[in-house]
All heavy atoms as atom14 arrays in JSON, in Angstrom:
{
  "sequence": "LLNDVIPTYYNNKSKWIEMMKNSILSTKDYFSMKRMIEEYYQKMYTK",
  "atom14_mask": [
    [1, 1, 1, 1, 1, 1, 1, 1, 0, 0, 0, 0, 0, 0],
    [1, 1, 1, 1, 1, 1, 1, 1, 0, 0, 0, 0, 0, 0],
    [1, 1, 1, 1, 1, 1, 1, 1, 0, 0, 0, 0, 0, 0],
    [1, 1, 1, 1, 1, 1, 1, 1, 0, 0, 0, 0, 0, 0],
    [1, 1, 1, 1, 1, 1, 1, 0, 0, 0, 0, 0, 0, 0],
    [1, 1, 1, 1, 1, 1, 1, 1, 0, 0, 0, 0, 0, 0],
    [1, 1, 1, 1, 1, 1, 1, 0, 0, 0, 0, 0, 0, 0],
    [1, 1, 1, 1, 1, 1, 1, 0, 0, 0, 0, 0, 0, 0],
    [1, 1, 1, 1, 1, 1, 1, 1, 1, 1, 1, 1, 0, 0],
    [1, 1, 1, 1, 1, 1, 1, 1, 1, 1, 1, 1, 0, 0],
    [1, 1, 1, 1, 1, 1, 1, 1, 0, 0, 0, 0, 0, 0],
    [1, 1, 1, 1, 1, 1, 1, 1, 0, 0, 0, 0, 0, 0],
    [1, 1, 1, 1, 1, 1, 1, 1, 1, 0, 0, 0, 0, 0],
    [1, 1, 1, 1, 1, 1, 0, 0, 0, 0, 0, 0, 0, 0],
    [1, 1, 1, 1, 1, 1, 1, 1, 1, 0, 0, 0, 0, 0],
    [1, 1, 1, 1, 1, 1, 1, 1, 1, 1, 1, 1, 1, 1],
    [1, 1, 1, 1, 1, 1, 1, 1, 0, 0, 0, 0, 0, 0],
    [1, 1, 1, 1, 1, 1, 1, 1, 1, 0, 0, 0, 0, 0],
    [1, 1, 1, 1, 1, 1, 1, 1, 0, 0, 0, 0, 0, 0],
    [1, 1, 1, 1, 1, 1, 1, 1, 0, 0, 0, 0, 0, 0],
    [1, 1, 1, 1, 1, 1, 1, 1, 1, 0, 0, 0, 0, 0],
    [1, 1, 1, 1, 1, 1, 1, 1, 0, 0, 0, 0, 0, 0],
    [1, 1, 1, 1, 1, 1, 0, 0, 0, 0, 0, 0, 0, 0],
    [1, 1, 1, 1, 1, 1, 1, 1, 0, 0, 0, 0, 0, 0],
    [1, 1, 1, 1, 1, 1, 1, 1, 0, 0, 0, 0, 0, 0],
    [1, 1, 1, 1, 1, 1, 0, 0, 0, 0, 0, 0, 0, 0],
    [1, 1, 1, 1, 1, 1, 1, 0, 0, 0, 0, 0, 0, 0],
    [1, 1, 1, 1, 1, 1, 1, 1, 1, 0, 0, 0, 0, 0],
    [1, 1, 1, 1, 1, 1, 1, 1, 0, 0, 0, 0, 0, 0],
    [1, 1, 1, 1, 1, 1, 1, 1, 1, 1, 1, 1, 0, 0],
    [1, 1, 1, 1, 1, 1, 1, 1, 1, 1, 1, 0, 0, 0],
    [1, 1, 1, 1, 1, 1, 0, 0, 0, 0, 0, 0, 0, 0],
    [1, 1, 1, 1, 1, 1, 1, 1, 0, 0, 0, 0, 0, 0],
    [1, 1, 1, 1, 1, 1, 1, 1, 1, 0, 0, 0, 0, 0],
    [1, 1, 1, 1, 1, 1, 1, 1, 1, 1, 1, 0, 0, 0],
    [1, 1, 1, 1, 1, 1, 1, 1, 0, 0, 0, 0, 0, 0],
    [1, 1, 1, 1, 1, 1, 1, 1, 0, 0, 0, 0, 0, 0],
    [1, 1, 1, 1, 1, 1, 1, 1, 1, 0, 0, 0, 0, 0],
    [1, 1, 1, 1, 1, 1, 1, 1, 1, 0, 0, 0, 0, 0],
    [1, 1, 1, 1, 1, 1, 1, 1, 1, 1, 1, 1, 0, 0],
    [1, 1, 1, 1, 1, 1, 1, 1, 1, 1, 1, 1, 0, 0],
    [1, 1, 1, 1, 1, 1, 1, 1, 1, 0, 0, 0, 0, 0],
    [1, 1, 1, 1, 1, 1, 1, 1, 1, 0, 0, 0, 0, 0],
    [1, 1, 1, 1, 1, 1, 1, 1, 0, 0, 0, 0, 0, 0],
    [1, 1, 1, 1, 1, 1, 1, 1, 1, 1, 1, 1, 0, 0],
    [1, 1, 1, 1, 1, 1, 1, 0, 0, 0, 0, 0, 0, 0],
    [1, 1, 1, 1, 1, 1, 1, 1, 1, 0, 0, 0, 0, 0]
  ],
  "atom14_positions": [
    [[96.38, 128.72, 71.91], [96.59, 129.86, 72.8], [97.01, 131.11, 72.01], [96.45, 132.2, 72.2], [97.66, 129.51, 73.85], [97.97, 130.59, 74.89], [96.77, 130.85, 75.8], [99.19, 130.18, 75.73], [0.0, 0.0, 0.0], [0.0, 0.0, 0.0], [0.0, 0.0, 0.0], [0.0, 0.0, 0.0], [0.0, 0.0, 0.0], [0.0, 0.0, 0.0]],
    [[97.98, 130.94, 71.11], [98.54, 132.09, 70.38], [97.65, 132.59, 69.25], [97.6, 133.78, 68.97], [99.92, 131.73, 69.82], [101.01, 131.46, 70.86], [102.25, 130.87, 70.2], [101.38, 132.73, 71.62], [0.0, 0.0, 0.0], [0.0, 0.0, 0.0], [0.0, 0.0, 0.0], [0.0, 0.0, 0.0], [0.0, 0.0, 0.0], [0.0, 0.0, 0.0]],
    [[96.93, 131.66, 68.61], [96.16, 132.04, 67.41], [94.66, 132.21, 67.65], [93.99, 132.79, 66.8], [96.4, 131.0, 66.3], [97.86, 130.97, 65.87], [98.48, 132.02, 65.72], [98.4, 129.78, 65.72], [0.0, 0.0, 0.0], [0.0, 0.0, 0.0], [0.0, 0.0, 0.0], [0.0, 0.0, 0.0], [0.0, 0.0, 0.0], [0.0, 0.0, 0.0]],
    [[94.17, 131.7, 68.76], [92.73, 131.81, 69.03], [92.45, 132.56, 70.34], [91.76, 133.58, 70.33], [92.09, 130.41, 69.11], [92.11, 129.7, 67.77], [91.67, 130.3, 66.78], [92.56, 128.55, 67.73], [0.0, 0.0, 0.0], [0.0, 0.0, 0.0], [0.0, 0.0, 0.0], [0.0, 0.0, 0.0], [0.0, 0.0, 0.0], [0.0, 0.0, 0.0]],
    [[92.98, 132.05, 71.44], [92.6, 132.57, 72.76], [93.05, 134.02, 72.94], [92.22, 134.91, 73.19], [93.17, 131.68, 73.89], [92.77, 132.23, 75.26], [92.68, 130.23, 73.75], [0.0, 0.0, 0.0], [0.0, 0.0, 0.0], [0.0, 0.0, 0.0], [0.0, 0.0, 0.0], [0.0, 0.0, 0.0], [0.0, 0.0, 0.0], [0.0, 0.0, 0.0]],
    [[94.34, 134.26, 72.82], [94.88, 135.6, 73.08], [94.33, 136.65, 72.1], [93.86, 137.71, 72.53], [96.43, 135.57, 73.12], [96.9, 134.78, 74.36], [97.01, 136.99, 73.13], [98.4, 134.54, 74.42], [0.0, 0.0, 0.0], [0.0, 0.0, 0.0], [0.0, 0.0, 0.0], [0.0, 0.0, 0.0], [0.0, 0.0, 0.0], [0.0, 0.0, 0.0]],
    [[94.33, 136.37, 70.78], [93.78, 137.38, 69.85], [92.3, 137.68, 70.11], [91.87, 138.83, 70.0], [93.98, 136.74, 68.47], [95.07, 135.75, 68.65], [94.93, 135.23, 70.04], [0.0, 0.0, 0.0], [0.0, 0.0, 0.0], [0.0, 0.0, 0.0], [0.0, 0.0, 0.0], [0.0, 0.0, 0.0], [0.0, 0.0, 0.0], [0.0, 0.0, 0.0]],
    [[91.52, 136.66, 70.43], [90.09, 136.9, 70.68], [89.9, 137.76, 71.92], [89.09, 138.71, 71.91], [89.33, 135.56, 70.84], [89.59, 134.73, 69.71], [87.83, 135.79, 70.95], [0.0, 0.0, 0.0], [0.0, 0.0, 0.0], [0.0, 0.0, 0.0], [0.0, 0.0, 0.0], [0.0, 0.0, 0.0], [0.0, 0.0, 0.0], [0.0, 0.0, 0.0]],
    [[90.67, 137.46, 72.97], [90.5, 138.22, 74.22], [90.81, 139.7, 74.02], [90.07, 140.57, 74.49], [91.41, 137.63, 75.3], [91.21, 138.31, 76.65], [90.15, 137.98, 77.48], [92.09, 139.31, 77.08], [89.97, 138.61, 78.7], [91.91, 139.95, 78.3], [90.85, 139.59, 79.1], [90.66, 140.23, 80.31], [0.0, 0.0, 0.0], [0.0, 0.0, 0.0]],
    [[91.9, 140.0, 73.33], [92.34, 141.4, 73.22], [91.75, 142.14, 72.01], [91.62, 143.37, 72.05], [93.87, 141.46, 73.16], [94.5, 141.12, 74.5], [95.2, 139.92, 74.67], [94.39, 141.98, 75.59], [95.77, 139.59, 75.9], [94.96, 141.65, 76.82], [95.65, 140.46, 76.98], [96.2, 140.15, 78.2], [0.0, 0.0, 0.0], [0.0, 0.0, 0.0]],
    [[91.42, 141.4, 70.94], [91.04, 142.08, 69.7], [89.59, 141.88, 69.28], [89.13, 142.53, 68.35], [91.94, 141.61, 68.53], [93.42, 141.79, 68.86], [93.78, 142.72, 69.56], [94.24, 140.89, 68.35], [0.0, 0.0, 0.0], [0.0, 0.0, 0.0], [0.0, 0.0, 0.0], [0.0, 0.0, 0.0], [0.0, 0.0, 0.0], [0.0, 0.0, 0.0]],
    [[88.89, 140.97, 69.94], [87.51, 140.68, 69.51], [86.63, 140.42, 70.73], [86.15, 139.3, 70.95], [87.49, 139.48, 68.56], [86.19, 139.39, 67.78], [85.19, 140.02, 68.13], [86.19, 138.59, 66.72], [0.0, 0.0, 0.0], [0.0, 0.0, 0.0], [0.0, 0.0, 0.0], [0.0, 0.0, 0.0], [0.0, 0.0, 0.0], [0.0, 0.0, 0.0]],
    [[86.45, 141.46, 71.54], [85.73, 141.32, 72.81], [84.29, 140.85, 72.6], [83.77, 140.07, 73.4], [85.74, 142.66, 73.56], [85.29, 142.56, 75.01], [86.27, 141.75, 75.87], [87.49, 142.54, 76.22], [88.52, 141.86, 76.97], [0.0, 0.0, 0.0], [0.0, 0.0, 0.0], [0.0, 0.0, 0.0], [0.0, 0.0, 0.0], [0.0, 0.0, 0.0]],
    [[83.66, 141.3, 71.52], [82.27, 140.9, 71.29], [82.18, 139.39, 71.06], [81.25, 138.73, 71.55], [81.65, 141.65, 70.12], [82.37, 141.37, 68.93], [0.0, 0.0, 0.0], [0.0, 0.0, 0.0], [0.0, 0.0, 0.0], [0.0, 0.0, 0.0], [0.0, 0.0, 0.0], [0.0, 0.0, 0.0], [0.0, 0.0, 0.0], [0.0, 0.0, 0.0]],
    [[83.17, 138.82, 70.35], [83.17, 137.36, 70.14], [83.43, 136.65, 71.48], [82.81, 135.62, 71.78], [84.23, 136.95, 69.12], [84.17, 135.44, 68.86], [85.26, 134.91, 67.95], [85.12, 133.39, 67.83], [86.22, 132.78, 67.07], [0.0, 0.0, 0.0], [0.0, 0.0, 0.0], [0.0, 0.0, 0.0], [0.0, 0.0, 0.0], [0.0, 0.0, 0.0]],
    [[84.33, 137.2, 72.28], [84.64, 136.59, 73.59], [83.37, 136.52, 74.44], [83.06, 135.48, 75.04], [85.72, 137.38, 74.31], [86.25, 136.7, 75.53], [85.68, 136.7, 76.78], [87.42, 135.88, 75.62], [86.43, 135.95, 77.65], [87.5, 135.43, 76.97], [88.4, 135.5, 74.71], [88.54, 134.62, 77.41], [89.44, 134.69, 75.16], [89.49, 134.25, 76.5]],
    [[82.64, 137.63, 74.47], [81.42, 137.68, 75.29], [80.37, 136.72, 74.75], [79.67, 136.04, 75.51], [80.89, 139.14, 75.37], [81.89, 140.0, 76.16], [79.51, 139.18, 76.03], [81.65, 141.49, 76.06], [0.0, 0.0, 0.0], [0.0, 0.0, 0.0], [0.0, 0.0, 0.0], [0.0, 0.0, 0.0], [0.0, 0.0, 0.0], [0.0, 0.0, 0.0]],
    [[80.29, 136.62, 73.41], [79.37, 135.67, 72.79], [79.74, 134.24, 73.18], [78.87, 133.4, 73.48], [79.4, 135.83, 71.27], [78.43, 134.95, 70.5], [76.97, 135.29, 70.77], [76.66, 136.45, 71.15], [76.13, 134.39, 70.6], [0.0, 0.0, 0.0], [0.0, 0.0, 0.0], [0.0, 0.0, 0.0], [0.0, 0.0, 0.0], [0.0, 0.0, 0.0]],
    [[81.04, 133.94, 73.21], [81.5, 132.61, 73.62], [81.18, 132.35, 75.09], [80.81, 131.23, 75.46], [83.01, 132.46, 73.37], [83.38, 132.33, 71.9], [85.17, 132.09, 71.65], [85.4, 130.41, 72.25], [0.0, 0.0, 0.0], [0.0, 0.0, 0.0], [0.0, 0.0, 0.0], [0.0, 0.0, 0.0], [0.0, 0.0, 0.0], [0.0, 0.0, 0.0]],
    [[81.32, 133.37, 75.93], [80.95, 133.23, 77.34], [79.48, 132.84, 77.48], [79.12, 131.92, 78.24], [81.21, 134.53, 78.1], [82.67, 134.87, 78.3], [82.89, 136.52, 79.02], [82.23, 136.27, 80.66], [0.0, 0.0, 0.0], [0.0, 0.0, 0.0], [0.0, 0.0, 0.0], [0.0, 0.0, 0.0], [0.0, 0.0, 0.0], [0.0, 0.0, 0.0]],
    [[78.64, 133.54, 76.73], [77.2, 133.25, 76.78], [76.93, 131.83, 76.29], [76.16, 131.07, 76.91], [76.43, 134.26, 75.93], [74.92, 134.11, 76.01], [74.21, 135.25, 75.3], [72.7, 135.12, 75.46], [71.97, 136.27, 74.89], [0.0, 0.0, 0.0], [0.0, 0.0, 0.0], [0.0, 0.0, 0.0], [0.0, 0.0, 0.0], [0.0, 0.0, 0.0]],
    [[77.58, 131.45, 75.19], [77.42, 130.09, 74.66], [77.89, 129.04, 75.67], [77.28, 127.98, 75.81], [78.21, 129.92, 73.36], [77.65, 130.74, 72.22], [76.49, 131.13, 72.24], [78.48, 131.03, 71.22], [0.0, 0.0, 0.0], [0.0, 0.0, 0.0], [0.0, 0.0, 0.0], [0.0, 0.0, 0.0], [0.0, 0.0, 0.0], [0.0, 0.0, 0.0]],
    [[78.98, 129.35, 76.34], [79.53, 128.44, 77.34], [78.5, 128.16, 78.43], [78.26, 127.0, 78.81], [80.8, 129.05, 77.94], [81.27, 128.26, 79.02], [0.0, 0.0, 0.0], [0.0, 0.0, 0.0], [0.0, 0.0, 0.0], [0.0, 0.0, 0.0], [0.0, 0.0, 0.0], [0.0, 0.0, 0.0], [0.0, 0.0, 0.0], [0.0, 0.0, 0.0]],
    [[77.87, 129.22, 78.93], [76.89, 129.08, 80.01], [75.66, 128.32, 79.51], [75.23, 127.33, 80.12], [76.48, 130.46, 80.56], [77.68, 131.18, 81.17], [75.37, 130.32, 81.6], [77.47, 132.68, 81.42], [0.0, 0.0, 0.0], [0.0, 0.0, 0.0], [0.0, 0.0, 0.0], [0.0, 0.0, 0.0], [0.0, 0.0, 0.0], [0.0, 0.0, 0.0]],
    [[75.1, 128.77, 78.4], [73.83, 128.21, 77.93], [73.96, 126.77, 77.44], [73.02, 125.99, 77.53], [73.24, 129.1, 76.83], [72.84, 130.51, 77.25], [72.29, 131.3, 76.07], [71.82, 130.49, 78.39], [0.0, 0.0, 0.0], [0.0, 0.0, 0.0], [0.0, 0.0, 0.0], [0.0, 0.0, 0.0], [0.0, 0.0, 0.0], [0.0, 0.0, 0.0]],
    [[75.14, 126.4, 76.94], [75.31, 125.04, 76.4], [75.61, 124.01, 77.49], [75.58, 122.8, 77.22], [76.44, 125.02, 75.36], [77.69, 125.34, 75.97], [0.0, 0.0, 0.0], [0.0, 0.0, 0.0], [0.0, 0.0, 0.0], [0.0, 0.0, 0.0], [0.0, 0.0, 0.0], [0.0, 0.0, 0.0], [0.0, 0.0, 0.0], [0.0, 0.0, 0.0]],
    [[75.89, 124.47, 78.72], [76.26, 123.51, 79.78], [75.31, 123.49, 80.97], [75.25, 122.5, 81.7], [77.68, 123.82, 80.31], [77.73, 125.18, 80.78], [78.73, 123.61, 79.23], [0.0, 0.0, 0.0], [0.0, 0.0, 0.0], [0.0, 0.0, 0.0], [0.0, 0.0, 0.0], [0.0, 0.0, 0.0], [0.0, 0.0, 0.0], [0.0, 0.0, 0.0]],
    [[74.56, 124.56, 81.2], [73.87, 124.73, 82.48], [72.76, 123.71, 82.75], [72.45, 123.44, 83.91], [73.3, 126.15, 82.6], [72.1, 126.43, 81.7], [71.6, 127.85, 81.87], [70.41, 128.14, 80.98], [69.22, 127.37, 81.31], [0.0, 0.0, 0.0], [0.0, 0.0, 0.0], [0.0, 0.0, 0.0], [0.0, 0.0, 0.0], [0.0, 0.0, 0.0]],
    [[72.19, 123.12, 81.71], [71.13, 122.13, 81.93], [71.69, 120.71, 81.97], [71.47, 119.98, 82.94], [70.06, 122.24, 80.84], [69.33, 123.58, 80.9], [69.09, 124.07, 82.02], [69.02, 124.14, 79.84], [0.0, 0.0, 0.0], [0.0, 0.0, 0.0], [0.0, 0.0, 0.0], [0.0, 0.0, 0.0], [0.0, 0.0, 0.0], [0.0, 0.0, 0.0]],
    [[72.45, 120.35, 80.94], [72.92, 118.96, 80.86], [73.91, 118.63, 81.99], [73.91, 117.5, 82.51], [73.57, 118.67, 79.51], [73.91, 117.21, 79.37], [72.9, 116.27, 79.14], [75.21, 116.74, 79.53], [73.19, 114.91, 79.06], [75.51, 115.4, 79.45], [74.5, 114.49, 79.22], [74.79, 113.14, 79.15], [0.0, 0.0, 0.0], [0.0, 0.0, 0.0]],
    [[74.75, 119.58, 82.37], [75.76, 119.29, 83.39], [75.32, 119.76, 84.78], [76.13, 119.94, 85.68], [77.11, 119.88, 82.98], [77.62, 119.27, 81.7], [77.49, 119.92, 80.49], [78.16, 118.0, 81.72], [77.92, 119.34, 79.31], [78.6, 117.4, 80.54], [78.48, 118.07, 79.33], [0.0, 0.0, 0.0], [0.0, 0.0, 0.0], [0.0, 0.0, 0.0]],
    [[74.0, 119.91, 84.93], [73.42, 120.21, 86.23], [73.17, 118.9, 86.99], [72.8, 117.88, 86.39], [72.09, 120.95, 86.03], [71.19, 120.65, 87.05], [0.0, 0.0, 0.0], [0.0, 0.0, 0.0], [0.0, 0.0, 0.0], [0.0, 0.0, 0.0], [0.0, 0.0, 0.0], [0.0, 0.0, 0.0], [0.0, 0.0, 0.0], [0.0, 0.0, 0.0]],
    [[73.32, 118.93, 88.3], [73.14, 117.74, 89.13], [71.73, 117.16, 89.0], [71.54, 115.96, 89.21], [73.47, 118.1, 90.59], [73.64, 116.94, 91.52], [74.77, 115.64, 91.0], [76.37, 116.3, 91.47], [0.0, 0.0, 0.0], [0.0, 0.0, 0.0], [0.0, 0.0, 0.0], [0.0, 0.0, 0.0], [0.0, 0.0, 0.0], [0.0, 0.0, 0.0]],
    [[70.76, 117.97, 88.65], [69.38, 117.46, 88.47], [69.34, 116.4, 87.38], [68.72, 115.34, 87.55], [68.43, 118.61, 88.12], [66.97, 118.18, 87.98], [66.06, 119.39, 87.79], [64.59, 118.99, 87.85], [64.14, 118.25, 86.69], [0.0, 0.0, 0.0], [0.0, 0.0, 0.0], [0.0, 0.0, 0.0], [0.0, 0.0, 0.0], [0.0, 0.0, 0.0]],
    [[70.02, 116.66, 86.24], [70.06, 115.66, 85.17], [70.76, 114.39, 85.64], [70.29, 113.27, 85.4], [70.8, 116.26, 83.95], [70.85, 115.34, 82.72], [72.02, 114.39, 82.7], [73.28, 115.05, 82.91], [74.38, 114.42, 83.29], [74.38, 113.12, 83.55], [75.51, 115.09, 83.48], [0.0, 0.0, 0.0], [0.0, 0.0, 0.0], [0.0, 0.0, 0.0]],
    [[71.85, 114.56, 86.38], [72.62, 113.39, 86.8], [71.82, 112.51, 87.76], [71.78, 111.28, 87.61], [73.92, 113.86, 87.46], [74.79, 112.73, 87.97], [76.3, 113.37, 88.72], [76.44, 112.29, 90.13], [0.0, 0.0, 0.0], [0.0, 0.0, 0.0], [0.0, 0.0, 0.0], [0.0, 0.0, 0.0], [0.0, 0.0, 0.0], [0.0, 0.0, 0.0]],
    [[71.19, 113.12, 88.74], [70.45, 112.34, 89.73], [69.25, 111.64, 89.09], [68.93, 110.49, 89.42], [70.04, 113.24, 90.93], [69.85, 112.42, 92.21], [68.82, 114.07, 90.67], [69.79, 113.27, 93.48], [0.0, 0.0, 0.0], [0.0, 0.0, 0.0], [0.0, 0.0, 0.0], [0.0, 0.0, 0.0], [0.0, 0.0, 0.0], [0.0, 0.0, 0.0]],
    [[68.62, 112.31, 88.12], [67.51, 111.68, 87.4], [68.0, 110.49, 86.59], [67.35, 109.44, 86.52], [66.82, 112.69, 86.49], [65.96, 113.7, 87.25], [65.38, 114.79, 86.37], [65.81, 114.9, 85.18], [64.51, 115.53, 86.85], [0.0, 0.0, 0.0], [0.0, 0.0, 0.0], [0.0, 0.0, 0.0], [0.0, 0.0, 0.0], [0.0, 0.0, 0.0]],
    [[69.2, 110.64, 86.0], [69.77, 109.54, 85.21], [70.12, 108.35, 86.1], [69.94, 107.19, 85.7], [71.01, 110.05, 84.46], [71.06, 109.55, 83.03], [72.22, 110.11, 82.23], [72.54, 111.31, 82.36], [72.81, 109.34, 81.47], [0.0, 0.0, 0.0], [0.0, 0.0, 0.0], [0.0, 0.0, 0.0], [0.0, 0.0, 0.0], [0.0, 0.0, 0.0]],
    [[70.63, 108.62, 87.3], [70.91, 107.52, 88.23], [69.63, 106.76, 88.55], [69.63, 105.52, 88.6], [71.55, 108.06, 89.51], [73.07, 108.12, 89.44], [73.74, 109.32, 89.3], [73.83, 106.95, 89.5], [75.12, 109.38, 89.22], [75.21, 106.99, 89.43], [75.86, 108.22, 89.28], [77.21, 108.25, 89.19], [0.0, 0.0, 0.0], [0.0, 0.0, 0.0]],
    [[68.56, 107.48, 88.78], [67.29, 106.8, 89.07], [66.79, 106.0, 87.88], [66.36, 104.86, 88.02], [66.23, 107.81, 89.56], [66.23, 107.89, 91.07], [66.97, 108.87, 91.73], [65.55, 106.95, 91.85], [67.0, 108.92, 93.12], [65.58, 106.99, 93.23], [66.31, 107.98, 93.86], [66.35, 108.01, 95.23], [0.0, 0.0, 0.0], [0.0, 0.0, 0.0]],
    [[66.88, 106.58, 86.7], [66.35, 105.91, 85.51], [67.19, 104.7, 85.11], [66.65, 103.65, 84.72], [66.29, 106.89, 84.34], [65.23, 107.97, 84.5], [65.5, 109.19, 83.62], [66.47, 109.24, 82.87], [64.63, 110.19, 83.73], [0.0, 0.0, 0.0], [0.0, 0.0, 0.0], [0.0, 0.0, 0.0], [0.0, 0.0, 0.0], [0.0, 0.0, 0.0]],
    [[68.52, 104.81, 85.23], [69.4, 103.78, 84.67], [70.04, 102.84, 85.7], [70.51, 101.76, 85.34], [70.52, 104.45, 83.86], [70.01, 105.23, 82.66], [71.14, 105.87, 81.89], [70.63, 106.61, 80.66], [71.71, 107.27, 79.92], [0.0, 0.0, 0.0], [0.0, 0.0, 0.0], [0.0, 0.0, 0.0], [0.0, 0.0, 0.0], [0.0, 0.0, 0.0]],
    [[70.06, 103.28, 86.98], [70.79, 102.5, 87.99], [69.87, 102.02, 89.12], [69.93, 100.86, 89.52], [71.9, 103.35, 88.6], [72.93, 103.83, 87.61], [74.31, 102.69, 87.36], [75.29, 103.01, 88.82], [0.0, 0.0, 0.0], [0.0, 0.0, 0.0], [0.0, 0.0, 0.0], [0.0, 0.0, 0.0], [0.0, 0.0, 0.0], [0.0, 0.0, 0.0]],
    [[69.08, 102.91, 89.65], [68.35, 102.59, 90.88], [67.05, 101.85, 90.64], [66.62, 101.06, 91.48], [68.03, 103.87, 91.66], [69.23, 104.69, 92.11], [69.1, 106.05, 92.39], [70.49, 104.12, 92.25], [70.17, 106.81, 92.8], [71.59, 104.87, 92.65], [71.42, 106.22, 92.93], [72.48, 106.98, 93.34], [0.0, 0.0, 0.0], [0.0, 0.0, 0.0]],
    [[66.4, 102.13, 89.52], [65.08, 101.55, 89.26], [65.24, 100.32, 88.38], [65.83, 100.38, 87.31], [64.17, 102.58, 88.55], [64.16, 103.78, 89.33], [62.76, 102.05, 88.42], [0.0, 0.0, 0.0], [0.0, 0.0, 0.0], [0.0, 0.0, 0.0], [0.0, 0.0, 0.0], [0.0, 0.0, 0.0], [0.0, 0.0, 0.0], [0.0, 0.0, 0.0]],
    [[64.7, 99.21, 88.85], [64.75, 97.97, 88.08], [63.5, 97.87, 87.22], [62.39, 98.11, 87.69], [64.83, 96.76, 89.0], [66.18, 96.56, 89.63], [66.33, 95.17, 90.22], [65.74, 95.1, 91.61], [66.06, 93.81, 92.26], [0.0, 0.0, 0.0], [0.0, 0.0, 0.0], [0.0, 0.0, 0.0], [0.0, 0.0, 0.0], [0.0, 0.0, 0.0]]
  ]
}
């Protein structure tokens, strides 16, 4: 919190915004319900 989060927020806005973009792009497909429901069908529902 003291050495990464707070300094980045107040002193390095461009890095913060880059991290926001990375956060969205790195999670939006794999942690989407479409992946989960397909995995249930592939690994659980279909024999």
